[in-house]
């Protein structure tokens, strides 16, 4: 009897690579990691063929078009991957009886909430990336009502391009940097999210918990601005670079950003039985990894 397989799409992204690291800790599963090169999620025939061959028990969709600013001008590609690709995967999972976890984003909201966003809060994206991700959520639920959608925010990792690695580089190269202080949220260490998902899948496989379809929110605990995040990176790396707070209007970008991205994570903690670390603890772990890699 072969072991149940977990298919991870978008395996070269931040969450995908963290899942790859953690996969060694879950020897009762076979893992299949795919990228755009060997299974483009927006190619329906390729996806159907892949599922027919491998028949995964679970699929975690980490594949996405995440270039937020570029999505404003490259709308067709963003839509094809974030919306159509999600629909194709969701439908394939339903056809082949594969349990589906799809990763979405805080950018489905307008950023005007006075309190952390609950899962049922009204969605209203303020940029094209958010709009295509919201359409992906809607198609996922339409084509696969048994799916789990996890919205996350401010993702970083020791892999890939992200705010933490960018700040560390800038702080090495420059005497001072400016960082916006009027966008509020909480970062997500991709390794924490990956662990939460794999532990839940393992518990479902053991039948110690049930599979609960629906939308969930996940980010690390705490409430900070990007400026606060940068100051913490400075402290934890021992940098002497000056970090100056600036308002968003002094840092214009092609895509508008939500000014408030804090997610209410009570539901995922209760249903997945996962413990979510405080943001600074996780940041310390990631920076330690990065600094050890450099030394």
Protein backbone atom coordinates (compact mmCIF):
# COMPACT_ATOMS: atom_id res chain seq x y z
CA UNK A 1 0.00 0.00 0.00
CA UNK A 2 1.56 3.27 -1.10
CA UNK A 3 1.70 6.27 1.22
CA UNK A 4 -0.67 9.20 0.72
CA UNK A 5 0.90 11.90 -1.44
CA UNK A 6 0.88 15.63 -0.79
CA UNK A 7 1.18 17.70 -3.95
CA UNK A 8 2.75 21.14 -3.41
CA UNK A 9 2.38 23.55 -6.34
CA UNK A 10 4.50 26.68 -6.54
CA UNK A 11 7.29 24.74 -4.85
CA UNK A 12 9.93 27.40 -5.60
CA UNK A 13 8.06 30.10 -3.69
CA UNK A 14 8.56 30.99 -0.04
CA UNK A 15 5.87 28.72 1.44
CA UNK A 16 6.66 25.98 -1.08
CA UNK A 17 10.31 25.91 -0.09
CA UNK A 18 9.46 25.88 3.63
CA UNK A 19 7.15 22.91 2.97
CA UNK A 20 10.04 21.18 1.24
CA UNK A 21 12.26 21.69 4.32
CA UNK A 22 9.54 20.36 6.63
CA UNK A 23 8.65 17.39 4.42
CA UNK A 24 11.49 15.35 5.96
CA UNK A 25 9.65 15.55 9.30
CA UNK A 26 6.56 13.87 7.79
CA UNK A 27 7.86 10.49 6.56
CA UNK A 28 4.39 8.93 6.41
CA UNK A 29 3.63 11.04 3.32
CA UNK A 30 5.09 11.11 -0.16
CA UNK A 31 5.65 14.68 -1.31
CA UNK A 32 5.42 15.88 -4.89
CA UNK A 33 6.80 19.36 -5.48
CA UNK A 34 5.91 21.07 -8.74
CA UNK A 35 6.71 24.43 -10.28
CA UNK A 36 5.57 26.26 -13.39
CA UNK A 37 8.09 24.28 -15.45
CA UNK A 38 6.67 20.81 -14.76
CA UNK A 39 3.00 21.61 -14.00
CA UNK A 40 1.66 25.04 -14.95
CA UNK A 41 -1.57 25.30 -12.95
CA UNK A 42 -3.29 27.34 -15.70
CA UNK A 43 -2.86 24.48 -18.21
CA UNK A 44 -6.00 22.39 -17.73
CA UNK A 45 -4.84 19.40 -19.76
CA UNK A 46 -1.48 19.26 -17.99
CA UNK A 47 -3.14 19.44 -14.56
CA UNK A 48 -5.66 16.70 -15.42
CA UNK A 49 -2.87 14.48 -16.74
CA UNK A 50 -0.74 15.08 -13.64
CA UNK A 51 -3.58 14.25 -11.25
CA UNK A 52 -4.54 11.19 -13.27
CA UNK A 53 -0.95 9.90 -13.03
CA UNK A 54 -0.11 10.78 -9.42
CA UNK A 55 -3.51 10.84 -7.67
CA UNK A 56 -2.41 12.94 -4.67
CA UNK A 57 -4.40 12.65 -1.44
CA UNK A 58 -3.79 16.33 -0.67
CA UNK A 59 -2.83 19.41 -2.65
CA UNK A 60 -1.44 22.65 -1.20
CA UNK A 61 -1.56 25.41 -3.80
CA UNK A 62 1.32 27.81 -3.22
CA UNK A 63 1.46 28.80 -6.90
CA UNK A 64 0.48 32.42 -7.55
CA UNK A 65 1.28 35.53 -9.52
CA UNK A 66 2.58 37.68 -6.64
CA UNK A 67 4.20 40.67 -8.39
CA UNK A 68 1.73 43.16 -6.89
CA UNK A 69 2.86 46.24 -8.84
CA UNK A 70 3.42 44.39 -12.11
CA UNK A 71 -0.10 42.93 -11.90
CA UNK A 72 -1.52 46.41 -12.56
CA UNK A 73 -0.14 46.31 -16.12
CA UNK A 74 0.03 42.53 -16.64
CA UNK A 75 -3.58 41.85 -15.67
CA UNK A 76 -4.17 38.96 -18.07
CA UNK A 77 -1.29 36.88 -16.69
CA UNK A 78 -2.24 37.64 -13.08
CA UNK A 79 -5.84 36.59 -13.79
CA UNK A 80 -4.81 33.44 -15.65
CA UNK A 81 -2.65 32.18 -12.78
CA UNK A 82 -4.47 33.51 -9.70
CA UNK A 83 -8.05 32.95 -10.87
CA UNK A 84 -8.09 30.42 -13.74
CA UNK A 85 -5.22 28.38 -12.30
CA UNK A 86 -6.99 28.12 -8.96
CA UNK A 87 -10.22 27.05 -10.68
CA UNK A 88 -8.41 24.35 -12.65
CA UNK A 89 -6.67 22.98 -9.55
CA UNK A 90 -9.83 23.13 -7.44
CA UNK A 91 -11.80 21.24 -10.09
CA UNK A 92 -9.07 18.61 -10.51
CA UNK A 93 -8.96 18.08 -6.74
CA UNK A 94 -12.71 17.54 -6.67
CA UNK A 95 -12.57 15.10 -9.62
CA UNK A 96 -9.76 13.02 -8.10
CA UNK A 97 -10.98 13.23 -4.48
CA UNK A 98 -7.91 15.23 -3.43
CA UNK A 99 -8.24 17.44 -0.37
CA UNK A 100 -7.35 20.98 -1.42
CA UNK A 101 -5.69 23.80 0.53
CA UNK A 102 -5.40 27.07 -1.39
CA UNK A 103 -3.34 30.01 -0.14
CA UNK A 104 -4.84 33.47 -0.56
CA UNK A 105 -4.09 36.94 0.74
CA UNK A 106 -5.09 39.86 2.96
CA UNK A 107 -5.19 41.92 -0.27
CA UNK A 108 -8.79 40.77 -0.82
CA UNK A 109 -9.71 43.51 1.72
CA UNK A 110 -9.69 47.29 1.31
CA UNK A 111 -7.59 47.97 4.40
CA UNK A 112 -10.14 50.28 6.03
CA UNK A 113 -11.25 48.05 8.91
CA UNK A 114 -10.97 49.38 12.50
CA UNK A 115 -10.53 45.80 13.83
CA UNK A 116 -8.65 42.67 12.68
CA UNK A 117 -10.37 41.06 9.68
CA UNK A 118 -12.49 38.00 10.37
CA UNK A 119 -13.01 35.45 7.59
CA UNK A 120 -16.53 36.64 6.83
CA UNK A 121 -15.58 40.34 6.57
CA UNK A 122 -16.59 42.14 3.37
CA UNK A 123 -14.01 41.80 0.59
CA UNK A 124 -13.08 44.79 -1.57
CA UNK A 125 -9.63 44.62 -3.20
CA UNK A 126 -7.85 47.91 -3.90
CA UNK A 127 -5.47 46.56 -6.55
CA UNK A 128 -5.39 44.07 -9.41
CA UNK A 129 -3.41 41.44 -7.51
CA UNK A 130 -6.06 41.43 -4.78
CA UNK A 131 -8.85 41.31 -7.35
CA UNK A 132 -7.38 38.27 -9.12
CA UNK A 133 -6.77 36.48 -5.82
CA UNK A 134 -10.37 37.16 -4.73
CA UNK A 135 -11.65 35.76 -8.04
CA UNK A 136 -9.49 32.68 -7.37
CA UNK A 137 -11.15 32.26 -3.97
CA UNK A 138 -14.63 32.54 -5.53
CA UNK A 139 -13.84 30.00 -8.26
CA UNK A 140 -12.23 27.67 -5.71
CA UNK A 141 -15.39 27.64 -3.60
CA UNK A 142 -17.62 27.25 -6.65
CA UNK A 143 -15.69 24.34 -8.18
CA UNK A 144 -14.66 22.67 -4.92
CA UNK A 145 -16.87 23.40 -1.89
CA UNK A 146 -14.73 20.99 0.17
CA UNK A 147 -11.62 23.16 -0.19
CA UNK A 148 -9.79 25.07 2.53
CA UNK A 149 -8.67 28.62 1.73
CA UNK A 150 -6.03 30.22 3.96
CA UNK A 151 -5.52 33.96 3.68
CA UNK A 152 -2.16 35.19 4.89
CA UNK A 153 -0.24 38.47 4.96
CA UNK A 154 3.25 39.99 4.81
CA UNK A 155 4.91 36.65 4.07
CA UNK A 156 8.66 36.31 4.52
CA UNK A 157 11.12 33.43 4.66
CA UNK A 158 14.81 32.60 4.49
CA UNK A 159 14.02 31.71 0.87
CA UNK A 160 13.08 33.90 -2.07
CA UNK A 161 12.59 37.66 -2.23
CA UNK A 162 10.90 39.34 0.71
CA UNK A 163 10.92 42.36 3.00
CA UNK A 164 13.27 40.86 5.59
CA UNK A 165 15.98 39.97 3.08
CA UNK A 166 15.59 43.28 1.26
CA UNK A 167 15.93 45.24 4.51
CA UNK A 168 18.98 43.26 5.60
CA UNK A 169 20.68 44.02 2.26
CA UNK A 170 19.76 47.73 2.33
CA UNK A 171 20.94 48.05 5.92
CA UNK A 172 24.33 46.66 4.90
CA UNK A 173 24.62 48.96 1.88
CA UNK A 174 23.21 52.27 3.13
CA UNK A 175 23.67 54.57 6.14
CA UNK A 176 19.91 55.30 6.30
CA UNK A 177 16.64 53.99 4.86
CA UNK A 178 13.02 55.20 4.83
CA UNK A 179 10.17 52.81 5.61
CA UNK A 180 6.42 53.49 5.62
CA UNK A 181 4.86 53.68 9.08
CA UNK A 182 1.15 53.99 8.22
CA UNK A 183 0.46 50.47 6.90
CA UNK A 184 -0.49 48.17 9.78
CA UNK A 185 -0.50 44.37 9.93
CA UNK A 186 1.41 41.37 11.20
CA UNK A 187 4.05 39.44 9.27
CA UNK A 188 3.84 35.74 8.47
CA UNK A 189 6.91 33.54 8.71
CA UNK A 190 6.33 31.06 5.89
CA UNK A 191 7.85 28.24 7.98
CA UNK A 192 5.15 28.73 10.64
CA UNK A 193 2.35 28.61 8.08
CA UNK A 194 3.87 25.53 6.44
CA UNK A 195 4.09 23.75 9.80
CA UNK A 196 0.47 24.64 10.63
CA UNK A 197 -0.79 23.16 7.34
CA UNK A 198 1.27 19.95 7.47
CA UNK A 199 0.36 19.25 11.07
CA UNK A 200 -3.32 19.69 10.24
CA UNK A 201 -3.05 17.35 7.24
CA UNK A 202 -1.23 14.78 9.39
CA UNK A 203 -3.97 14.97 12.04
CA UNK A 204 -6.68 14.60 9.39
CA UNK A 205 -4.89 11.57 7.97
CA UNK A 206 -4.71 10.03 11.45
CA UNK A 207 -8.37 11.00 11.93
CA UNK A 208 -7.56 12.75 15.20
CA UNK A 209 -9.26 15.79 13.71
CA UNK A 210 -11.81 16.30 10.94
CA UNK A 211 -11.38 18.12 7.62
CA UNK A 212 -13.22 21.44 7.91
CA UNK A 213 -13.69 23.24 4.56
CA UNK A 214 -13.90 27.01 4.51
CA UNK A 215 -11.86 30.20 4.75
CA UNK A 216 -9.21 30.76 7.44
CA UNK A 217 -6.78 33.53 8.34
CA UNK A 218 -3.16 32.97 9.32
CA UNK A 219 -0.40 35.40 10.29
CA UNK A 220 1.90 35.65 13.28
CA UNK A 221 0.62 37.27 16.47
CA UNK A 222 1.13 40.97 17.04
CA UNK A 223 0.38 44.31 15.43
CA UNK A 224 3.07 46.43 13.76
CA UNK A 225 3.82 48.76 10.85
CA UNK A 226 6.39 48.09 8.14
CA UNK A 227 8.56 50.65 9.94
CA UNK A 228 8.31 48.67 13.21
CA UNK A 229 9.22 45.54 11.25
CA UNK A 230 12.32 47.24 9.82
CA UNK A 231 13.38 48.53 13.25
CA UNK A 232 13.17 44.98 14.64
CA UNK A 233 15.26 43.68 11.72
CA UNK A 234 17.83 46.36 12.49
CA UNK A 235 17.93 45.36 16.17
CA UNK A 236 18.15 41.63 15.52
CA UNK A 237 20.94 41.98 12.96
CA UNK A 238 22.90 44.55 14.99
CA UNK A 239 22.83 47.02 12.09
CA UNK A 240 23.88 50.66 12.56
CA UNK A 241 21.73 51.86 9.65
CA UNK A 242 19.26 54.63 10.54
CA UNK A 243 15.62 53.67 9.91
CA UNK A 244 13.32 56.65 9.28
CA UNK A 245 9.50 56.49 9.32
CA UNK A 246 7.67 58.00 6.34
CA UNK A 247 4.00 58.16 5.24
CA UNK A 248 2.88 56.02 2.28
CA UNK A 249 2.42 59.05 0.01
CA UNK A 250 6.20 59.56 0.13
CA UNK A 251 6.69 56.06 -1.27
CA UNK A 252 4.34 55.83 -4.28
CA UNK A 253 3.87 52.44 -5.96
CA UNK A 254 1.93 51.43 -9.12
CA UNK A 255 -0.47 49.33 -7.00
CA UNK A 256 -2.26 50.77 -3.99
CA UNK A 257 -1.62 48.89 -0.72
CA UNK A 258 -4.22 48.30 2.01
CA UNK A 259 -3.35 50.49 5.00
CA UNK A 260 -4.62 47.88 7.48
CA UNK A 261 -3.95 44.16 6.98
CA UNK A 262 -4.37 42.69 10.44
CA UNK A 263 -6.08 39.27 10.31
CA UNK A 264 -8.12 37.67 13.09
CA UNK A 265 -6.57 34.20 13.50
CA UNK A 266 -8.87 32.75 16.17
CA UNK A 267 -10.68 30.42 13.77
CA UNK A 268 -7.60 28.61 12.43
CA UNK A 269 -6.20 28.21 15.96
CA UNK A 270 -9.45 26.65 17.15
CA UNK A 271 -10.06 24.37 14.15
CA UNK A 272 -6.49 23.41 13.22
CA UNK A 273 -5.40 23.25 16.90
CA UNK A 274 -2.25 25.15 15.97
CA UNK A 275 -0.22 27.49 18.15
CA UNK A 276 0.73 30.71 16.37
CA UNK A 277 4.04 32.27 17.47
CA UNK A 278 4.52 35.98 18.20
CA UNK A 279 5.93 37.78 15.15
CA UNK A 280 9.25 38.77 16.73
CA UNK A 281 10.08 35.23 17.87
CA UNK A 282 9.65 33.98 14.32
CA UNK A 283 11.61 36.88 12.87
CA UNK A 284 14.49 36.01 15.21
CA UNK A 285 14.45 32.41 13.94
CA UNK A 286 14.52 33.50 10.31
CA UNK A 287 17.30 36.05 10.81
CA UNK A 288 19.39 33.51 12.73
CA UNK A 289 19.04 31.11 9.79
CA UNK A 290 20.00 33.80 7.29
CA UNK A 291 23.01 34.98 9.30
CA UNK A 292 24.22 31.41 9.82
CA UNK A 293 23.98 30.87 6.06
CA UNK A 294 26.16 33.91 5.43
CA UNK A 295 28.82 33.05 8.00
